[in-house]
Amino acid sequence: MEQPTFAELEYAHKKHKTRREKFLERLEALVPWERLEARIEPH
């Protein structure tokens, strides 16, 4: 088992989500990543 880093420990105790985190969560929910990856994979 690895020892957690300072960044991981700090993030674990964080209470509020940043605007960036909220945006990325919303993007994850909206974008059909599997279909997008399948479409660009041949290139």
C-alpha atoms as a PDB file:
ATOM      1  CA  MET A   1       0.000   0.000   0.000  1.00  0.00           C
ATOM      2  CA  GLU A   2       1.364   3.376  -1.020  1.00  0.00           C
ATOM      3  CA  GLN A   3       1.539   6.326   1.296  1.00  0.00           C
ATOM      4  CA  PRO A   4      -0.824   9.122   0.203  1.00  0.00           C
ATOM      5  CA  THR A   5       0.687  12.339  -1.104  1.00  0.00           C
ATOM      6  CA  PHE A   6       0.096  15.741   0.451  1.00  0.00           C
ATOM      7  CA  ALA A   7      -2.106  16.692  -2.495  1.00  0.00           C
ATOM      8  CA  GLU A   8      -4.263  13.585  -2.044  1.00  0.00           C
ATOM      9  CA  LEU A   9      -4.665  14.256   1.666  1.00  0.00           C
ATOM     10  CA  GLU A  10      -5.581  17.882   1.073  1.00  0.00           C
ATOM     11  CA  TYR A  11      -8.092  16.933  -1.621  1.00  0.00           C
ATOM     12  CA  ALA A  12      -9.699  14.297   0.621  1.00  0.00           C
ATOM     13  CA  HIS A  13     -10.616  16.933   3.228  1.00  0.00           C
ATOM     14  CA  LYS A  14     -11.913  19.487   0.759  1.00  0.00           C
ATOM     15  CA  LYS A  15     -15.518  20.562   1.322  1.00  0.00           C
ATOM     16  CA  HIS A  16     -16.509  22.668  -1.697  1.00  0.00           C
ATOM     17  CA  LYS A  17     -16.156  21.885  -5.372  1.00  0.00           C
ATOM     18  CA  THR A  18     -14.497  24.454  -7.579  1.00  0.00           C
ATOM     19  CA  ARG A  19     -16.161  25.830 -10.696  1.00  0.00           C
ATOM     20  CA  ARG A  20     -13.712  23.761 -12.732  1.00  0.00           C
ATOM     21  CA  GLU A  21     -14.644  20.534 -10.946  1.00  0.00           C
ATOM     22  CA  LYS A  22     -18.357  21.238 -11.418  1.00  0.00           C
ATOM     23  CA  PHE A  23     -17.776  21.993 -15.110  1.00  0.00           C
ATOM     24  CA  LEU A  24     -15.775  18.810 -15.673  1.00  0.00           C
ATOM     25  CA  GLU A  25     -18.383  16.680 -13.893  1.00  0.00           C
ATOM     26  CA  ARG A  26     -21.088  18.157 -16.096  1.00  0.00           C
ATOM     27  CA  LEU A  27     -18.976  17.595 -19.203  1.00  0.00           C
ATOM     28  CA  GLU A  28     -18.420  13.958 -18.220  1.00  0.00           C
ATOM     29  CA  ALA A  29     -22.184  13.475 -17.915  1.00  0.00           C
ATOM     30  CA  LEU A  30     -23.028  15.185 -21.224  1.00  0.00           C
ATOM     31  CA  VAL A  31     -20.384  13.900 -23.637  1.00  0.00           C
ATOM     32  CA  PRO A  32     -20.795  10.355 -25.029  1.00  0.00           C
ATOM     33  CA  TRP A  33     -17.090   9.548 -24.632  1.00  0.00           C
ATOM     34  CA  GLU A  34     -17.270   5.951 -25.871  1.00  0.00           C
ATOM     35  CA  ARG A  35     -18.877   6.969 -29.166  1.00  0.00           C
ATOM     36  CA  LEU A  36     -16.480   9.884 -29.581  1.00  0.00           C
ATOM     37  CA  GLU A  37     -13.425   7.713 -28.930  1.00  0.00           C
ATOM     38  CA  ALA A  38     -14.675   5.044 -31.335  1.00  0.00           C
ATOM     39  CA  ARG A  39     -15.154   7.658 -34.032  1.00  0.00           C
ATOM     40  CA  ILE A  40     -11.673   9.216 -33.745  1.00  0.00           C
ATOM     41  CA  GLU A  41      -9.774   5.981 -33.024  1.00  0.00           C
ATOM     42  CA  PRO A  42      -9.126   5.108 -36.715  1.00  0.00           C
ATOM     43  CA  HIS A  43      -7.386   8.451 -37.190  1.00  0.00           C
END
